PDB file of N, CA and C in Angstrom:
ATOM      1  N   MET A   1       0.708  -4.823  19.424  1.00  0.00           N
ATOM      2  CA  MET A   1       1.743  -4.517  20.389  1.00  0.00           C
ATOM      3  C   MET A   1       1.682  -3.049  20.833  1.00  0.00           C
ATOM      4  N   HIS A   2       1.103  -2.175  20.025  1.00  0.00           N
ATOM      5  CA  HIS A   2       1.022  -0.771  20.416  1.00  0.00           C
ATOM      6  C   HIS A   2      -0.029  -0.531  21.496  1.00  0.00           C
ATOM      7  N   GLU A   3      -0.748  -1.586  21.887  1.00  0.00           N
ATOM      8  CA  GLU A   3      -1.695  -1.467  22.997  1.00  0.00           C
ATOM      9  C   GLU A   3      -0.972  -1.368  24.345  1.00  0.00           C
ATOM     10  N   TYR A   4       0.243  -1.909  24.427  1.00  0.00           N
ATOM     11  CA  TYR A   4       0.987  -1.873  25.686  1.00  0.00           C
ATOM     12  C   TYR A   4       1.229  -0.437  26.161  1.00  0.00           C
ATOM     13  N   PRO A   5       1.852   0.434  25.340  1.00  0.00           N
ATOM     14  CA  PRO A   5       2.111   1.792  25.837  1.00  0.00           C
ATOM     15  C   PRO A   5       0.835   2.590  26.109  1.00  0.00           C
ATOM     16  N   ILE A   6      -0.210   2.368  25.338  1.00  0.00           N
ATOM     17  CA  ILE A   6      -1.449   3.128  25.583  1.00  0.00           C
ATOM     18  C   ILE A   6      -2.120   2.635  26.860  1.00  0.00           C
ATOM     19  N   THR A   7      -2.025   1.338  27.135  1.00  0.00           N
ATOM     20  CA  THR A   7      -2.586   0.795  28.376  1.00  0.00           C
ATOM     21  C   THR A   7      -1.805   1.315  29.576  1.00  0.00           C
ATOM     22  N   LYS A   8      -0.498   1.383  29.433  1.00  0.00           N
ATOM     23  CA  LYS A   8       0.348   1.935  30.495  1.00  0.00           C
ATOM     24  C   LYS A   8      -0.048   3.378  30.788  1.00  0.00           C
ATOM     25  N   ARG A   9      -0.316   4.138  29.729  1.00  0.00           N
ATOM     26  CA  ARG A   9      -0.718   5.547  29.899  1.00  0.00           C
ATOM     27  C   ARG A   9      -2.086   5.663  30.563  1.00  0.00           C
ATOM     28  N   ILE A  10      -3.008   4.767  30.229  1.00  0.00           N
ATOM     29  CA  ILE A  10      -4.334   4.767  30.868  1.00  0.00           C
ATOM     30  C   ILE A  10      -4.176   4.579  32.375  1.00  0.00           C
ATOM     31  N   ILE A  11      -3.324   3.649  32.768  1.00  0.00           N
ATOM     32  CA  ILE A  11      -3.083   3.397  34.193  1.00  0.00           C
ATOM     33  C   ILE A  11      -2.436   4.613  34.848  1.00  0.00           C
ATOM     34  N   GLU A  12      -1.491   5.243  34.175  1.00  0.00           N
ATOM     35  CA  GLU A  12      -0.860   6.455  34.715  1.00  0.00           C
ATOM     36  C   GLU A  12      -1.890   7.563  34.925  1.00  0.00           C
ATOM     37  N   ILE A  13      -2.774   7.746  33.965  1.00  0.00           N
ATOM     38  CA  ILE A  13      -3.819   8.777  34.081  1.00  0.00           C
ATOM     39  C   ILE A  13      -4.737   8.470  35.260  1.00  0.00           C
ATOM     40  N   ALA A  14      -5.109   7.197  35.418  1.00  0.00           N
ATOM     41  CA  ALA A  14      -5.976   6.796  36.532  1.00  0.00           C
ATOM     42  C   ALA A  14      -5.282   7.037  37.872  1.00  0.00           C
ATOM     43  N   GLN A  15      -3.988   6.738  37.944  1.00  0.00           N
ATOM     44  CA  GLN A  15      -3.227   6.966  39.176  1.00  0.00           C
ATOM     45  C   GLN A  15      -3.141   8.451  39.497  1.00  0.00           C
ATOM     46  N   GLU A  16      -2.895   9.267  38.480  1.00  0.00           N
ATOM     47  CA  GLU A  16      -2.839  10.719  38.667  1.00  0.00           C
ATOM     48  C   GLU A  16      -4.180  11.244  39.169  1.00  0.00           C
ATOM     49  N   PHE A  17      -5.262  10.725  38.601  1.00  0.00           N
ATOM     50  CA  PHE A  17      -6.611  11.127  39.022  1.00  0.00           C
ATOM     51  C   PHE A  17      -6.840  10.754  40.489  1.00  0.00           C
ATOM     52  N   ALA A  18      -6.441   9.544  40.855  1.00  0.00           N
ATOM     53  CA  ALA A  18      -6.607   9.090  42.243  1.00  0.00           C
ATOM     54  C   ALA A  18      -5.808   9.972  43.199  1.00  0.00           C
ATOM     55  N   GLN A  19      -4.573  10.279  42.843  1.00  0.00           N
ATOM     56  CA  GLN A  19      -3.731  11.117  43.698  1.00  0.00           C
ATOM     57  C   GLN A  19      -4.321  12.511  43.867  1.00  0.00           C
ATOM     58  N   LYS A  20      -4.838  13.091  42.790  1.00  0.00           N
ATOM     59  CA  LYS A  20      -5.451  14.418  42.863  1.00  0.00           C
ATOM     60  C   LYS A  20      -6.685  14.424  43.756  1.00  0.00           C
ATOM     61  N   ASN A  21      -7.325  13.259  43.863  1.00  0.00           N
ATOM     62  CA  ASN A  21      -8.538  13.142  44.664  1.00  0.00           C
ATOM     63  C   ASN A  21      -8.290  12.437  46.004  1.00  0.00           C
ATOM     64  N   ASN A  22      -7.019  12.372  46.389  1.00  0.00           N
ATOM     65  CA  ASN A  22      -6.617  11.778  47.673  1.00  0.00           C
ATOM     66  C   ASN A  22      -7.189  10.380  47.892  1.00  0.00           C
ATOM     67  N   ALA A  23      -7.187   9.570  46.841  1.00  0.00           N
ATOM     68  CA  ALA A  23      -7.700   8.202  46.923  1.00  0.00           C
ATOM     69  C   ALA A  23      -6.535   7.217  46.958  1.00  0.00           C
ATOM     70  N   ASP A  24      -6.738   6.134  47.690  1.00  0.00           N
ATOM     71  CA  ASP A  24      -5.702   5.109  47.824  1.00  0.00           C
ATOM     72  C   ASP A  24      -5.744   4.066  46.719  1.00  0.00           C
ATOM     73  N   GLU A  25      -6.889   3.990  46.041  1.00  0.00           N
ATOM     74  CA  GLU A  25      -7.006   2.998  44.974  1.00  0.00           C
ATOM     75  C   GLU A  25      -7.978   3.455  43.896  1.00  0.00           C
ATOM     76  N   VAL A  26      -7.826   2.858  42.738  1.00  0.00           N
ATOM     77  CA  VAL A  26      -8.754   3.081  41.636  1.00  0.00           C
ATOM     78  C   VAL A  26      -9.680   1.873  41.606  1.00  0.00           C
ATOM     79  N   LYS A  27     -10.985   2.134  41.606  1.00  0.00           N
ATOM     80  CA  LYS A  27     -11.955   1.039  41.626  1.00  0.00           C
ATOM     81  C   LYS A  27     -12.398   0.622  40.227  1.00  0.00           C
ATOM     82  N   GLN A  28     -12.524   1.608  39.347  1.00  0.00           N
ATOM     83  CA  GLN A  28     -13.059   1.298  38.017  1.00  0.00           C
ATOM     84  C   GLN A  28     -12.580   2.318  36.989  1.00  0.00           C
ATOM     85  N   ILE A  29     -12.288   1.802  35.797  1.00  0.00           N
ATOM     86  CA  ILE A  29     -11.941   2.667  34.671  1.00  0.00           C
ATOM     87  C   ILE A  29     -12.887   2.297  33.528  1.00  0.00           C
ATOM     88  N   ASN A  30     -13.565   3.298  33.002  1.00  0.00           N
ATOM     89  CA  ASN A  30     -14.480   3.089  31.878  1.00  0.00           C
ATOM     90  C   ASN A  30     -13.857   3.695  30.633  1.00  0.00           C
ATOM     91  N   LEU A  31     -13.643   2.839  29.658  1.00  0.00           N
ATOM     92  CA  LEU A  31     -12.934   3.210  28.438  1.00  0.00           C
ATOM     93  C   LEU A  31     -13.862   3.029  27.239  1.00  0.00           C
ATOM     94  N   VAL A  32     -13.755   3.921  26.265  1.00  0.00           N
ATOM     95  CA  VAL A  32     -14.504   3.813  25.015  1.00  0.00           C
ATOM     96  C   VAL A  32     -13.507   3.533  23.902  1.00  0.00           C
ATOM     97  N   VAL A  33     -13.740   2.429  23.170  1.00  0.00           N
ATOM     98  CA  VAL A  33     -12.830   2.027  22.103  1.00  0.00           C
ATOM     99  C   VAL A  33     -13.633   1.715  20.843  1.00  0.00           C
ATOM    100  N   GLY A  34     -13.436   2.520  19.819  1.00  0.00           N
ATOM    101  CA  GLY A  34     -14.076   2.255  18.534  1.00  0.00           C
ATOM    102  C   GLY A  34     -13.345   1.138  17.802  1.00  0.00           C
ATOM    103  N   ASP A  35     -14.092   0.338  17.069  1.00  0.00           N
ATOM    104  CA  ASP A  35     -13.492  -0.783  16.333  1.00  0.00           C
ATOM    105  C   ASP A  35     -12.490  -0.326  15.278  1.00  0.00           C
ATOM    106  N   TYR A  36     -12.601   0.926  14.826  1.00  0.00           N
ATOM    107  CA  TYR A  36     -11.665   1.464  13.842  1.00  0.00           C
ATOM    108  C   TYR A  36     -10.663   2.431  14.470  1.00  0.00           C
ATOM    109  N   SER A  37     -10.507   2.371  15.805  1.00  0.00           N
ATOM    110  CA  SER A  37      -9.592   3.293  16.495  1.00  0.00           C
ATOM    111  C   SER A  37      -8.135   2.911  16.298  1.00  0.00           C
ATOM    112  N   GLY A  38      -7.904   1.671  15.904  1.00  0.00           N
ATOM    113  CA  GLY A  38      -6.536   1.196  15.770  1.00  0.00           C
ATOM    114  C   GLY A  38      -6.069   0.423  16.988  1.00  0.00           C
ATOM    115  N   TYR A  39      -6.933   0.309  18.008  1.00  0.00           N
ATOM    116  CA  TYR A  39      -6.602  -0.429  19.217  1.00  0.00           C
ATOM    117  C   TYR A  39      -7.539  -1.617  19.376  1.00  0.00           C
ATOM    118  N   VAL A  40      -6.996  -2.722  19.869  1.00  0.00           N
ATOM    119  CA  VAL A  40      -7.775  -3.940  20.060  1.00  0.00           C
ATOM    120  C   VAL A  40      -8.152  -4.030  21.539  1.00  0.00           C
ATOM    121  N   ALA A  41      -9.457  -4.000  21.809  1.00  0.00           N
ATOM    122  CA  ALA A  41      -9.947  -3.989  23.187  1.00  0.00           C
ATOM    123  C   ALA A  41      -9.441  -5.179  23.997  1.00  0.00           C
ATOM    124  N   SER A  42      -9.432  -6.361  23.425  1.00  0.00           N
ATOM    125  CA  SER A  42      -8.989  -7.547  24.169  1.00  0.00           C
ATOM    126  C   SER A  42      -7.511  -7.462  24.534  1.00  0.00           C
ATOM    127  N   SER A  43      -6.697  -6.836  23.697  1.00  0.00           N
ATOM    128  CA  SER A  43      -5.278  -6.655  24.017  1.00  0.00           C
ATOM    129  C   SER A  43      -5.102  -5.660  25.159  1.00  0.00           C
ATOM    130  N   ILE A  44      -5.910  -4.621  25.165  1.00  0.00           N
ATOM    131  CA  ILE A  44      -5.856  -3.641  26.252  1.00  0.00           C
ATOM    132  C   ILE A  44      -6.214  -4.322  27.569  1.00  0.00           C
ATOM    133  N   GLU A  45      -7.237  -5.169  27.556  1.00  0.00           N
ATOM    134  CA  GLU A  45      -7.633  -5.902  28.763  1.00  0.00           C
ATOM    135  C   GLU A  45      -6.492  -6.783  29.269  1.00  0.00           C
ATOM    136  N   LEU A  46      -5.855  -7.477  28.364  1.00  0.00           N
ATOM    137  CA  LEU A  46      -4.750  -8.364  28.727  1.00  0.00           C
ATOM    138  C   LEU A  46      -3.593  -7.572  29.340  1.00  0.00           C
ATOM    139  N   TYR A  47      -3.179  -6.507  28.673  1.00  0.00           N
ATOM    140  CA  TYR A  47      -2.082  -5.691  29.189  1.00  0.00           C
ATOM    141  C   TYR A  47      -2.452  -5.003  30.501  1.00  0.00           C
ATOM    142  N   PHE A  48      -3.718  -4.630  30.629  1.00  0.00           N
ATOM    143  CA  PHE A  48      -4.158  -3.959  31.850  1.00  0.00           C
ATOM    144  C   PHE A  48      -3.901  -4.838  33.072  1.00  0.00           C
ATOM    145  N   GLU A  49      -4.273  -6.096  32.989  1.00  0.00           N
ATOM    146  CA  GLU A  49      -4.067  -7.023  34.109  1.00  0.00           C
ATOM    147  C   GLU A  49      -2.586  -7.119  34.483  1.00  0.00           C
ATOM    148  N   ILE A  50      -1.728  -7.142  33.486  1.00  0.00           N
ATOM    149  CA  ILE A  50      -0.291  -7.278  33.724  1.00  0.00           C
ATOM    150  C   ILE A  50       0.314  -5.990  34.293  1.00  0.00           C
ATOM    151  N   ILE A  51       0.023  -4.870  33.662  1.00  0.00           N
ATOM    152  CA  ILE A  51       0.632  -3.592  34.057  1.00  0.00           C
ATOM    153  C   ILE A  51       0.086  -3.087  35.392  1.00  0.00           C
ATOM    154  N   ALA A  52      -1.209  -3.289  35.626  1.00  0.00           N
ATOM    155  CA  ALA A  52      -1.845  -2.772  36.849  1.00  0.00           C
ATOM    156  C   ALA A  52      -1.444  -3.532  38.101  1.00  0.00           C
ATOM    157  N   GLU A  53      -0.843  -4.689  37.930  1.00  0.00           N
ATOM    158  CA  GLU A  53      -0.481  -5.562  39.039  1.00  0.00           C
ATOM    159  C   GLU A  53       0.269  -4.855  40.163  1.00  0.00           C
ATOM    160  N   ASP A  54       1.181  -3.979  39.821  1.00  0.00           N
ATOM    161  CA  ASP A  54       2.005  -3.289  40.814  1.00  0.00           C
ATOM    162  C   ASP A  54       1.617  -1.824  40.990  1.00  0.00           C
ATOM    163  N   SER A  55       0.329  -1.542  40.870  1.00  0.00           N
ATOM    164  CA  SER A  55      -0.119  -0.149  40.972  1.00  0.00           C
ATOM    165  C   SER A  55      -1.383  -0.063  41.823  1.00  0.00           C
ATOM    166  N   ILE A  56      -1.840   1.153  42.032  1.00  0.00           N
ATOM    167  CA  ILE A  56      -3.089   1.336  42.786  1.00  0.00           C
ATOM    168  C   ILE A  56      -4.311   0.966  41.949  1.00  0.00           C
ATOM    169  N   CYS A  57      -4.079   0.529  40.734  1.00  0.00           N
ATOM    170  CA  CYS A  57      -5.160   0.067  39.853  1.00  0.00           C
ATOM    171  C   CYS A  57      -5.306  -1.458  39.867  1.00  0.00           C
ATOM    172  N   LYS A  58      -4.527  -2.135  40.714  1.00  0.00           N
ATOM    173  CA  LYS A  58      -4.482  -3.600  40.672  1.00  0.00           C
ATOM    174  C   LYS A  58      -5.832  -4.262  40.913  1.00  0.00           C
ATOM    175  N   ASN A  59      -6.707  -3.637  41.678  1.00  0.00           N
ATOM    176  CA  ASN A  59      -8.031  -4.212  41.937  1.00  0.00           C
ATOM    177  C   ASN A  59      -9.130  -3.541  41.113  1.00  0.00           C
ATOM    178  N   ALA A  60      -8.724  -2.670  40.226  1.00  0.00           N
ATOM    179  CA  ALA A  60      -9.704  -1.920  39.425  1.00  0.00           C
ATOM    180  C   ALA A  60     -10.354  -2.797  38.364  1.00  0.00           C
ATOM    181  N   THR A  61     -11.601  -2.493  38.088  1.00  0.00           N
ATOM    182  CA  THR A  61     -12.324  -3.130  36.997  1.00  0.00           C
ATOM    183  C   THR A  61     -12.163  -2.257  35.768  1.00  0.00           C
ATOM    184  N   LEU A  62     -11.802  -2.870  34.663  1.00  0.00           N
ATOM    185  CA  LEU A  62     -11.690  -2.150  33.398  1.00  0.00           C
ATOM    186  C   LEU A  62     -12.899  -2.502  32.545  1.00  0.00           C
ATOM    187  N   ASN A  63     -13.746  -1.504  32.304  1.00  0.00           N
ATOM    188  CA  ASN A  63     -14.917  -1.699  31.445  1.00  0.00           C
ATOM    189  C   ASN A  63     -14.633  -1.041  30.101  1.00  0.00           C
ATOM    190  N   ILE A  64     -14.816  -1.804  29.040  1.00  0.00           N
ATOM    191  CA  ILE A  64     -14.571  -1.259  27.705  1.00  0.00           C
ATOM    192  C   ILE A  64     -15.871  -1.261  26.922  1.00  0.00           C
ATOM    193  N   GLU A  65     -16.273  -0.074  26.510  1.00  0.00           N
ATOM    194  CA  GLU A  65     -17.460   0.089  25.664  1.00  0.00           C
ATOM    195  C   GLU A  65     -16.979   0.157  24.216  1.00  0.00           C
ATOM    196  N   ARG A  66     -17.339  -0.847  23.442  1.00  0.00           N
ATOM    197  CA  ARG A  66     -16.924  -0.882  22.037  1.00  0.00           C
ATOM    198  C   ARG A  66     -17.925  -0.099  21.188  1.00  0.00           C
ATOM    199  N   ILE A  67     -17.391   0.661  20.242  1.00  0.00           N
ATOM    200  CA  ILE A  67     -18.224   1.425  19.314  1.00  0.00           C
ATOM    201  C   ILE A  67     -18.070   0.801  17.929  1.00  0.00           C
ATOM    202  N   ILE A  68     -19.182   0.346  17.396  1.00  0.00           N
ATOM    203  CA  ILE A  68     -19.188  -0.270  16.067  1.00  0.00           C
ATOM    204  C   ILE A  68     -19.243   0.837  15.012  1.00  0.00           C
ATOM    205  N   PRO A  69     -18.387   0.778  14.014  1.00  0.00           N
ATOM    206  CA  PRO A  69     -18.368   1.806  12.958  1.00  0.00           C
ATOM    207  C   PRO A  69     -19.687   1.858  12.191  1.00  0.00           C
ATOM    208  N   LYS A  70     -20.032   3.055  11.752  1.00  0.00           N
ATOM    209  CA  LYS A  70     -21.253   3.248  10.963  1.00  0.00           C
ATOM    210  C   LYS A  70     -20.953   4.105   9.735  1.00  0.00           C
ATOM    211  N   LEU A  71     -21.722   3.848   8.702  1.00  0.00           N
ATOM    212  CA  LEU A  71     -21.691   4.657   7.489  1.00  0.00           C
ATOM    213  C   LEU A  71     -22.895   5.587   7.505  1.00  0.00           C
ATOM    214  N   LYS A  72     -22.825   6.651   6.708  1.00  0.00           N
ATOM    215  CA  LYS A  72     -23.956   7.565   6.561  1.00  0.00           C
ATOM    216  C   LYS A  72     -24.391   7.542   5.103  1.00  0.00           C
ATOM    217  N   CYS A  73     -25.675   7.286   4.895  1.00  0.00           N
ATOM    218  CA  CYS A  73     -26.205   7.218   3.535  1.00  0.00           C
ATOM    219  C   CYS A  73     -26.143   8.594   2.873  1.00  0.00           C
ATOM    220  N   ASN A  74     -25.639   8.631   1.656  1.00  0.00           N
ATOM    221  CA  ASN A  74     -25.544   9.884   0.907  1.00  0.00           C
ATOM    222  C   ASN A  74     -26.906  10.361   0.420  1.00  0.00           C
ATOM    223  N   ASN A  75     -27.901   9.453   0.350  1.00  0.00           N
ATOM    224  CA  ASN A  75     -29.245   9.831  -0.113  1.00  0.00           C
ATOM    225  C   ASN A  75     -30.155  10.255   1.035  1.00  0.00           C
ATOM    226  N   CYS A  76     -30.369   9.341   1.994  1.00  0.00           N
ATOM    227  CA  CYS A  76     -31.352   9.610   3.050  1.00  0.00           C
ATOM    228  C   CYS A  76     -30.735  10.095   4.360  1.00  0.00           C
ATOM    229  N   GLY A  77     -29.423   9.998   4.494  1.00  0.00           N
ATOM    230  CA  GLY A  77     -28.751  10.488   5.688  1.00  0.00           C
ATOM    231  C   GLY A  77     -28.752   9.536   6.874  1.00  0.00           C
ATOM    232  N   LYS A  78     -29.321   8.356   6.713  1.00  0.00           N
ATOM    233  CA  LYS A  78     -29.385   7.395   7.812  1.00  0.00           C
ATOM    234  C   LYS A  78     -27.989   6.839   8.117  1.00  0.00           C
ATOM    235  N   LEU A  79     -27.729   6.642   9.413  1.00  0.00           N
ATOM    236  CA  LEU A  79     -26.513   5.969   9.845  1.00  0.00           C
ATOM    237  C   LEU A  79     -26.802   4.479   9.897  1.00  0.00           C
ATOM    238  N   PHE A  80     -25.865   3.667   9.405  1.00  0.00           N
ATOM    239  CA  PHE A  80     -26.079   2.227   9.418  1.00  0.00           C
ATOM    240  C   PHE A  80     -24.759   1.484   9.500  1.00  0.00           C
ATOM    241  N   VAL A  81     -24.843   0.232   9.976  1.00  0.00           N
ATOM    242  CA  VAL A  81     -23.677  -0.639  10.062  1.00  0.00           C
ATOM    243  C   VAL A  81     -23.476  -1.290   8.708  1.00  0.00           C
ATOM    244  N   ARG A  82     -22.286  -1.217   8.225  1.00  0.00           N
ATOM    245  CA  ARG A  82     -21.945  -1.760   6.899  1.00  0.00           C
ATOM    246  C   ARG A  82     -21.987  -3.281   6.900  1.00  0.00           C
ATOM    247  N   LYS A  83     -22.600  -3.837   5.873  1.00  0.00           N
ATOM    248  CA  LYS A  83     -22.574  -5.281   5.662  1.00  0.00           C
ATOM    249  C   LYS A  83     -21.317  -5.608   4.854  1.00  0.00           C
ATOM    250  N   PRO A  84     -20.770  -6.821   5.033  1.00  0.00           N
ATOM    251  CA  PRO A  84     -19.555  -7.179   4.287  1.00  0.00           C
ATOM    252  C   PRO A  84     -19.717  -6.985   2.777  1.00  0.00           C
ATOM    253  N   PHE A  85     -18.713  -6.372   2.176  1.00  0.00           N
ATOM    254  CA  PHE A  85     -18.639  -6.161   0.725  1.00  0.00           C
ATOM    255  C   PHE A  85     -19.741  -5.251   0.182  1.00  0.00           C
ATOM    256  N   SER A  86     -20.318  -4.405   1.032  1.00  0.00           N
ATOM    257  CA  SER A  86     -21.399  -3.532   0.581  1.00  0.00           C
ATOM    258  C   SER A  86     -21.365  -2.202   1.318  1.00  0.00           C
ATOM    259  N   PHE A  87     -21.694  -1.147   0.600  1.00  0.00           N
ATOM    260  CA  PHE A  87     -21.862   0.180   1.190  1.00  0.00           C
ATOM    261  C   PHE A  87     -23.311   0.633   1.036  1.00  0.00           C
ATOM    262  N   GLU A  88     -24.199  -0.303   0.722  1.00  0.00           N
ATOM    263  CA  GLU A  88     -25.592   0.011   0.414  1.00  0.00           C
ATOM    264  C   GLU A  88     -26.416   0.248   1.679  1.00  0.00           C
ATOM    265  N   CYS A  89     -27.192   1.328   1.648  1.00  0.00           N
ATOM    266  CA  CYS A  89     -28.088   1.678   2.749  1.00  0.00           C
ATOM    267  C   CYS A  89     -29.225   0.649   2.809  1.00  0.00           C
ATOM    268  N   PRO A  90     -29.525   0.115   3.988  1.00  0.00           N
ATOM    269  CA  PRO A  90     -30.601  -0.869   4.101  1.00  0.00           C
ATOM    270  C   PRO A  90     -31.991  -0.266   3.898  1.00  0.00           C
ATOM    271  N   ASP A  91     -32.125   1.063   3.996  1.00  0.00           N
ATOM    272  CA  ASP A  91     -33.434   1.703   3.828  1.00  0.00           C
ATOM    273  C   ASP A  91     -33.726   2.102   2.388  1.00  0.00           C
ATOM    274  N   CYS A  92     -32.768   2.803   1.757  1.00  0.00           N
ATOM    275  CA  CYS A  92     -33.063   3.366   0.426  1.00  0.00           C
ATOM    276  C   CYS A  92     -32.149   2.832  -0.672  1.00  0.00           C
ATOM    277  N   GLN A  93     -31.234   1.957  -0.321  1.00  0.00           N
ATOM    278  CA  GLN A  93     -30.266   1.365  -1.247  1.00  0.00           C
ATOM    279  C   GLN A  93     -29.273   2.385  -1.822  1.00  0.00           C
ATOM    280  N   GLY A  94     -29.205   3.558  -1.223  1.00  0.00           N
ATOM    281  CA  GLY A  94     -28.197   4.542  -1.610  1.00  0.00           C
ATOM    282  C   GLY A  94     -26.822   4.093  -1.110  1.00  0.00           C
ATOM    283  N   GLN A  95     -25.816   4.814  -1.500  1.00  0.00           N
ATOM    284  CA  GLN A  95     -24.455   4.479  -1.090  1.00  0.00           C
ATOM    285  C   GLN A  95     -24.084   5.207   0.199  1.00  0.00           C
ATOM    286  N   GLY A  96     -23.424   4.478   1.107  1.00  0.00           N
ATOM    287  CA  GLY A  96     -22.984   5.051   2.366  1.00  0.00           C
ATOM    288  C   GLY A  96     -21.545   5.543   2.277  1.00  0.00           C
ATOM    289  N   SER A  97     -21.260   6.532   3.080  1.00  0.00           N
ATOM    290  CA  SER A  97     -19.907   7.083   3.181  1.00  0.00           C
ATOM    291  C   SER A  97     -19.408   6.895   4.606  1.00  0.00           C
ATOM    292  N   PRO A  98     -18.088   6.743   4.768  1.00  0.00           N
ATOM    293  CA  PRO A  98     -17.529   6.585   6.116  1.00  0.00           C
ATOM    294  C   PRO A  98     -17.806   7.805   6.997  1.00  0.00           C
ATOM    295  N   THR A  99     -17.889   7.552   8.294  1.00  0.00           N
ATOM    296  CA  THR A  99     -18.049   8.602   9.303  1.00  0.00           C
ATOM    297  C   THR A  99     -16.943   8.429  10.335  1.00  0.00           C
ATOM    298  N   ASP A 100     -16.940   9.292  11.335  1.00  0.00           N
ATOM    299  CA  ASP A 100     -15.981   9.158  12.430  1.00  0.00           C
ATOM    300  C   ASP A 100     -16.457   8.164  13.490  1.00  0.00           C
ATOM    301  N   ILE A 101     -17.689   7.688  13.368  1.00  0.00           N
ATOM    302  CA  ILE A 101     -18.228   6.735  14.335  1.00  0.00           C
ATOM    303  C   ILE A 101     -17.444   5.429  14.225  1.00  0.00           C
ATOM    304  N   GLY A 102     -16.871   5.027  15.343  1.00  0.00           N
ATOM    305  CA  GLY A 102     -16.058   3.822  15.376  1.00  0.00           C
ATOM    306  C   GLY A 102     -14.573   4.121  15.506  1.00  0.00           C
ATOM    307  N   GLN A 103     -14.218   5.406  15.489  1.00  0.00           N
ATOM    308  CA  GLN A 103     -12.813   5.790  15.627  1.00  0.00           C
ATOM    309  C   GLN A 103     -12.497   6.337  17.023  1.00  0.00           C
ATOM    310  N   GLU A 104     -13.473   6.309  17.901  1.00  0.00           N
ATOM    311  CA  GLU A 104     -13.309   6.854  19.244  1.00  0.00           C
ATOM    312  C   GLU A 104     -12.282   6.065  20.054  1.00  0.00           C
ATOM    313  N   PHE A 105     -11.597   6.782  20.924  1.00  0.00           N
ATOM    314  CA  PHE A 105     -10.728   6.151  21.903  1.00  0.00           C
ATOM    315  C   PHE A 105     -10.493   7.158  23.019  1.00  0.00           C
ATOM    316  N   TYR A 106     -11.116   6.918  24.183  1.00  0.00           N
ATOM    317  CA  TYR A 106     -10.940   7.827  25.309  1.00  0.00           C
ATOM    318  C   TYR A 106     -11.366   7.181  26.614  1.00  0.00           C
ATOM    319  N   ILE A 107     -10.893   7.763  27.714  1.00  0.00           N
ATOM    320  CA  ILE A 107     -11.326   7.356  29.034  1.00  0.00           C
ATOM    321  C   ILE A 107     -12.624   8.097  29.318  1.00  0.00           C
ATOM    322  N   LYS A 108     -13.678   7.349  29.520  1.00  0.00           N
ATOM    323  CA  LYS A 108     -14.994   7.948  29.778  1.00  0.00           C
ATOM    324  C   LYS A 108     -15.103   8.415  31.234  1.00  0.00           C
ATOM    325  N   SER A 109     -14.631   7.571  32.157  1.00  0.00           N
ATOM    326  CA  SER A 109     -14.668   7.945  33.569  1.00  0.00           C
ATOM    327  C   SER A 109     -13.734   7.062  34.385  1.00  0.00           C
ATOM    328  N   ILE A 110     -13.382   7.572  35.561  1.00  0.00           N
ATOM    329  CA  ILE A 110     -12.543   6.839  36.514  1.00  0.00           C
ATOM    330  C   ILE A 110     -13.228   6.935  37.879  1.00  0.00           C
ATOM    331  N   GLU A 111     -13.375   5.793  38.517  1.00  0.00           N
ATOM    332  CA  GLU A 111     -13.986   5.761  39.840  1.00  0.00           C
ATOM    333  C   GLU A 111     -12.924   5.404  40.870  1.00  0.00           C
ATOM    334  N   VAL A 112     -12.834   6.246  41.921  1.00  0.00           N
ATOM    335  CA  VAL A 112     -11.862   5.988  42.985  1.00  0.00           C
ATOM    336  C   VAL A 112     -12.571   5.728  44.294  1.00  0.00           C
TER     337      VAL A 112
END
């Protein structure tokens, strides 16, 4: 449910950008959402369609680039995607530690 206010804010930012650039409509919004960001991409898409209906974003395409979380091996330093129930590095069998990869959440670009 917390996707609603963040989606509303994304639309507000896009509208502000369009107004600053003297544009009548927003054509595309490119968003980056990490799987561990705390936001569900499919919920943002759903709310976007509803909220954008009465705005200059109503015909805009929302593209969401999902970032899959990665661990970093404590031995060899390789970044890798964690397998269920394991923190083991696929290269050296060392233990992986969490990174910030997968926690991203930002507007990458807006096209007017």
